[in-house]
Amino acid sequence: MGSSVPQTDVVRLVESFARLDTASVSDALDSIGVAGRLRGIAARVPGARAAGTAYTVRYEPVDESGPRFRNAANYLDDVPAGSIVVIDNGGSAECTNWGSLLTVAAQRFGVRGTVLHGSARDVAEIRNAGYPLFSTHVTMVSGKNRVQLAAIGDPIRIGDVDLRTGDIVVGDDNGVLAVPSELADEVLIRAQRVELTEQSIARAVACGARLDEARERFGYATPWYDAGSAADE
């Protein structure tokens, strides 16, 4: 989010998105024709949910003419609390960009999770820590001497989604979505309506209604407009 957005509003948005399922956010994005799914990225810590503002990091292969030892990167000390680190290593399965040491540091610094267009390792330790981690692949091979930091804070592209530092990122067992910061308020309202509609339909069916009738009654076809008016009944 740009500096013109008050921090209190950013916190409000993140907290509100954290209460939503990614399926509802996906439906909301669909309703305005915006792609948000970060294709191929899966949850590595079952049950872990994450929402925060993106902090983008991009890697590239090492320059063979450079120093003999090449640390993968040191950037985590500067990541703002409340961020989700989003790393683009081109979806590579060849080496890692995240492991247990970075997880320890991230938790200490108040980072809300990590999304890797690439590979992670030390998954058992990260699961034990309960840290939200999402990645394209898992491998044990170190990124040291294989990749180097190319950019921090620059726009990145994962699949068909352009993602910038400050965009809202939401992840759960279904996968990960990115919401453009300028659309976050609208997407949030629509996603909340989707959840109200689905809750209303589920309650009606549990009380004996036919599914087709409940869907018609509560506006299942366009839930972002027709949130169940009987949600509070």
Protein backbone atom coordinates (compact mmCIF):
# COMPACT_ATOMS: atom_id res chain seq x y z
CA MET A 1 0.00 0.00 0.00
CA GLY A 2 1.18 3.48 -0.78
CA SER A 3 2.24 5.85 1.92
CA SER A 4 -1.01 7.80 1.39
CA VAL A 5 -3.00 4.97 3.00
CA PRO A 6 -3.15 5.41 6.79
CA GLN A 7 -1.54 2.56 8.68
CA THR A 8 -4.71 2.09 10.73
CA ASP A 9 -6.62 1.37 7.50
CA VAL A 10 -4.01 -1.15 6.41
CA VAL A 11 -4.26 -2.96 9.75
CA ARG A 12 -8.06 -2.96 9.51
CA LEU A 13 -7.97 -4.44 6.03
CA VAL A 14 -5.47 -7.14 6.95
CA GLU A 15 -7.41 -8.15 10.07
CA SER A 16 -10.64 -8.32 8.07
CA PHE A 17 -9.11 -10.42 5.30
CA ALA A 18 -7.59 -12.75 7.92
CA ARG A 19 -11.12 -13.72 8.98
CA LEU A 20 -12.12 -14.77 5.46
CA ASP A 21 -11.67 -18.01 3.55
CA THR A 22 -9.65 -17.72 0.35
CA ALA A 23 -12.58 -19.22 -1.54
CA SER A 24 -14.72 -16.18 -0.65
CA VAL A 25 -11.93 -13.80 -1.66
CA SER A 26 -11.51 -15.68 -4.93
CA ASP A 27 -15.24 -15.36 -5.69
CA ALA A 28 -15.05 -11.64 -4.94
CA LEU A 29 -12.11 -11.21 -7.33
CA ASP A 30 -13.98 -13.20 -9.98
CA SER A 31 -16.91 -10.83 -9.64
CA ILE A 32 -14.79 -7.89 -10.81
CA GLY A 33 -12.73 -9.85 -13.34
CA VAL A 34 -9.41 -9.76 -11.51
CA ALA A 35 -7.02 -12.73 -11.37
CA GLY A 36 -5.65 -13.29 -7.88
CA ARG A 37 -4.66 -16.95 -7.49
CA LEU A 38 -0.92 -17.49 -7.27
CA ARG A 39 -0.84 -20.55 -9.47
CA GLY A 40 0.97 -23.66 -8.29
CA ILE A 41 1.66 -22.41 -4.76
CA ALA A 42 0.47 -24.79 -2.05
CA ALA A 43 0.23 -24.72 1.74
CA ARG A 44 3.08 -26.53 3.50
CA VAL A 45 1.73 -26.11 7.05
CA PRO A 46 -1.77 -27.63 7.24
CA GLY A 47 -4.30 -25.42 8.97
CA ALA A 48 -2.10 -22.33 8.97
CA ARG A 49 -3.77 -19.15 7.71
CA ALA A 50 -2.07 -15.90 6.78
CA ALA A 51 -3.03 -12.40 5.71
CA GLY A 52 -0.75 -9.41 5.38
CA THR A 53 0.81 -6.88 3.08
CA ALA A 54 3.23 -8.21 0.48
CA TYR A 55 6.97 -7.60 0.78
CA THR A 56 8.40 -8.70 -2.55
CA VAL A 57 11.79 -10.35 -3.03
CA ARG A 58 13.22 -11.57 -6.33
CA TYR A 59 16.13 -13.97 -6.87
CA GLU A 60 18.32 -14.74 -9.87
CA PRO A 61 21.03 -17.34 -10.61
CA VAL A 62 24.47 -16.44 -9.23
CA ASP A 63 26.92 -14.57 -11.39
CA GLU A 64 29.72 -17.08 -11.88
CA SER A 65 32.26 -14.27 -12.13
CA GLY A 66 31.46 -13.04 -8.63
CA PRO A 67 32.83 -14.11 -5.22
CA ARG A 68 33.33 -17.81 -4.57
CA PHE A 69 30.89 -17.90 -1.65
CA ARG A 70 27.47 -16.40 -2.28
CA ASN A 71 24.95 -16.22 0.55
CA ALA A 72 21.42 -16.58 -0.77
CA ALA A 73 20.38 -13.21 0.73
CA ASN A 74 20.17 -11.09 3.88
CA TYR A 75 17.07 -8.91 3.81
CA LEU A 76 14.80 -10.22 6.57
CA ASP A 77 15.93 -7.76 9.25
CA ASP A 78 14.32 -4.97 7.22
CA VAL A 79 10.93 -6.58 6.60
CA PRO A 80 8.18 -4.60 8.39
CA ALA A 81 6.09 -6.42 10.99
CA GLY A 82 2.75 -7.50 9.56
CA SER A 83 4.22 -8.32 6.15
CA ILE A 84 4.03 -11.51 4.16
CA VAL A 85 7.30 -12.18 2.37
CA VAL A 86 6.59 -13.04 -1.27
CA ILE A 87 9.62 -14.53 -3.00
CA ASP A 88 9.95 -15.00 -6.74
CA ASN A 89 12.58 -17.51 -7.82
CA GLY A 90 10.82 -18.33 -11.07
CA GLY A 91 9.03 -21.32 -9.56
CA SER A 92 12.33 -23.20 -9.41
CA ALA A 93 12.56 -26.69 -7.90
CA GLU A 94 16.37 -26.62 -8.03
CA CYS A 95 17.18 -24.96 -4.70
CA THR A 96 15.52 -23.39 -1.68
CA ASN A 97 14.78 -19.80 -0.77
CA TRP A 98 13.39 -20.42 2.73
CA GLY A 99 14.10 -22.68 5.70
CA SER A 100 14.03 -22.99 9.47
CA LEU A 101 16.54 -20.21 10.27
CA LEU A 102 14.60 -17.64 8.27
CA THR A 103 11.43 -18.86 9.96
CA VAL A 104 12.86 -18.22 13.43
CA ALA A 105 13.85 -14.70 12.39
CA ALA A 106 10.52 -14.03 10.68
CA GLN A 107 8.54 -15.00 13.77
CA ARG A 108 10.70 -12.79 15.93
CA PHE A 109 10.19 -9.82 13.60
CA GLY A 110 6.41 -10.21 13.38
CA VAL A 111 6.29 -11.44 9.77
CA ARG A 112 2.92 -13.10 9.11
CA GLY A 113 4.00 -15.73 6.61
CA THR A 114 6.02 -16.58 3.51
CA VAL A 115 4.92 -17.27 -0.06
CA LEU A 116 7.50 -18.84 -2.36
CA HIS A 117 7.37 -18.99 -6.13
CA GLY A 118 10.12 -21.49 -5.66
CA SER A 119 11.17 -24.06 -3.07
CA ALA A 120 11.31 -24.40 0.71
CA ARG A 121 13.10 -26.80 3.02
CA ASP A 122 13.06 -27.72 6.74
CA VAL A 123 9.32 -28.21 6.38
CA ALA A 124 8.98 -30.38 9.52
CA GLU A 125 10.56 -27.70 11.70
CA ILE A 126 8.43 -24.99 10.12
CA ARG A 127 5.28 -27.04 10.73
CA ASN A 128 6.27 -27.50 14.36
CA ALA A 129 6.67 -23.73 14.63
CA GLY A 130 3.18 -23.22 13.18
CA TYR A 131 4.51 -20.68 10.70
CA PRO A 132 2.38 -20.10 7.59
CA LEU A 133 4.46 -21.26 4.62
CA PHE A 134 3.33 -21.64 1.02
CA SER A 135 5.54 -22.73 -1.87
CA THR A 136 5.64 -24.16 -5.36
CA HIS A 137 8.06 -26.94 -4.40
CA VAL A 138 9.95 -28.53 -1.52
CA THR A 139 13.59 -29.61 -1.73
CA MET A 140 16.59 -29.95 0.58
CA VAL A 141 19.13 -28.25 -1.72
CA SER A 142 20.51 -24.94 -0.41
CA GLY A 143 20.23 -21.71 -2.34
CA LYS A 144 23.76 -20.72 -1.24
CA ASN A 145 26.07 -20.36 -4.25
CA ARG A 146 23.12 -21.06 -6.55
CA VAL A 147 20.94 -17.96 -6.37
CA GLN A 148 21.47 -14.37 -5.30
CA LEU A 149 19.24 -11.47 -4.40
CA ALA A 150 18.15 -9.54 -7.50
CA ALA A 151 15.62 -7.03 -6.13
CA ILE A 152 13.59 -6.08 -3.07
CA GLY A 153 10.29 -4.25 -3.32
CA ASP A 154 9.99 -4.47 -7.11
CA PRO A 155 6.83 -5.72 -8.85
CA ILE A 156 6.88 -9.45 -9.56
CA ARG A 157 4.70 -11.71 -11.69
CA ILE A 158 3.53 -15.17 -10.60
CA GLY A 159 1.54 -16.95 -13.28
CA ASP A 160 -0.92 -14.38 -14.58
CA VAL A 161 -0.84 -12.22 -11.45
CA ASP A 162 1.18 -9.03 -11.10
CA LEU A 163 2.02 -8.42 -7.46
CA ARG A 164 3.52 -5.36 -5.78
CA THR A 165 4.83 -4.62 -2.33
CA GLY A 166 1.83 -3.42 -0.32
CA ASP A 167 -0.79 -5.58 -2.04
CA ILE A 168 -2.87 -7.76 0.26
CA VAL A 169 -1.90 -11.45 0.35
CA VAL A 170 -4.23 -14.10 1.80
CA GLY A 171 -3.36 -17.79 2.23
CA ASP A 172 -4.87 -20.93 3.72
CA ASP A 173 -5.14 -24.64 2.93
CA ASN A 174 -6.70 -23.76 -0.45
CA GLY A 175 -3.62 -21.82 -1.61
CA VAL A 176 -2.71 -18.14 -1.91
CA LEU A 177 -4.37 -15.05 -3.42
CA ALA A 178 -3.11 -11.53 -4.03
CA VAL A 179 -5.48 -8.56 -3.92
CA PRO A 180 -4.35 -5.29 -5.55
CA SER A 181 -4.14 -2.64 -2.86
CA GLU A 182 -6.36 -0.19 -4.75
CA LEU A 183 -9.15 -2.80 -4.91
CA ALA A 184 -8.80 -4.13 -1.38
CA ASP A 185 -11.82 -2.33 0.12
CA GLU A 186 -14.16 -3.40 -2.68
CA VAL A 187 -12.90 -7.00 -2.68
CA LEU A 188 -13.24 -7.19 1.09
CA ILE A 189 -16.90 -6.07 1.04
CA ARG A 190 -17.75 -8.50 -1.75
CA ALA A 191 -15.96 -11.39 -0.03
CA GLN A 192 -17.80 -10.70 3.23
CA ARG A 193 -21.10 -10.79 1.31
CA VAL A 194 -20.11 -14.09 -0.28
CA GLU A 195 -19.54 -15.62 3.14
CA LEU A 196 -22.84 -14.29 4.50
CA THR A 197 -24.69 -15.74 1.52
CA GLU A 198 -23.08 -19.17 1.86
CA GLN A 199 -23.73 -19.22 5.61
CA SER A 200 -27.39 -18.36 5.02
CA ILE A 201 -27.74 -21.16 2.44
CA ALA A 202 -26.05 -23.67 4.76
CA ARG A 203 -28.33 -22.75 7.68
CA ALA A 204 -31.42 -23.03 5.52
CA VAL A 205 -30.43 -26.47 4.24
CA ALA A 206 -29.58 -27.65 7.77
CA CYS A 207 -33.10 -26.61 8.82
CA GLY A 208 -34.71 -28.68 6.04
CA ALA A 209 -34.81 -26.43 2.97
CA ARG A 210 -34.08 -27.78 -0.50
CA LEU A 211 -30.63 -26.76 -1.73
CA ASP A 212 -31.91 -25.35 -5.02
CA GLU A 213 -34.53 -23.27 -3.23
CA ALA A 214 -32.05 -21.98 -0.65
CA ARG A 215 -29.63 -20.97 -3.39
CA GLU A 216 -32.37 -19.12 -5.23
CA ARG A 217 -33.62 -17.41 -2.06
CA PHE A 218 -30.25 -16.09 -0.96
CA GLY A 219 -28.81 -15.11 -4.34
CA TYR A 220 -26.18 -17.81 -4.82
CA ALA A 221 -25.59 -16.77 -8.45
CA THR A 222 -24.32 -13.31 -7.44
CA PRO A 223 -23.56 -13.48 -3.73
CA TRP A 224 -21.34 -10.40 -3.80
CA TYR A 225 -24.52 -8.38 -4.52
CA ASP A 226 -27.18 -10.46 -2.83
CA ALA A 227 -25.83 -11.37 0.56
CA GLY A 228 -28.50 -13.31 2.45
CA SER A 229 -30.91 -10.83 3.94
CA ALA A 230 -31.93 -13.50 6.41
CA ALA A 231 -28.38 -14.08 7.65
CA ASP A 232 -29.31 -12.80 11.08
CA GLU A 233 -32.59 -14.71 11.40
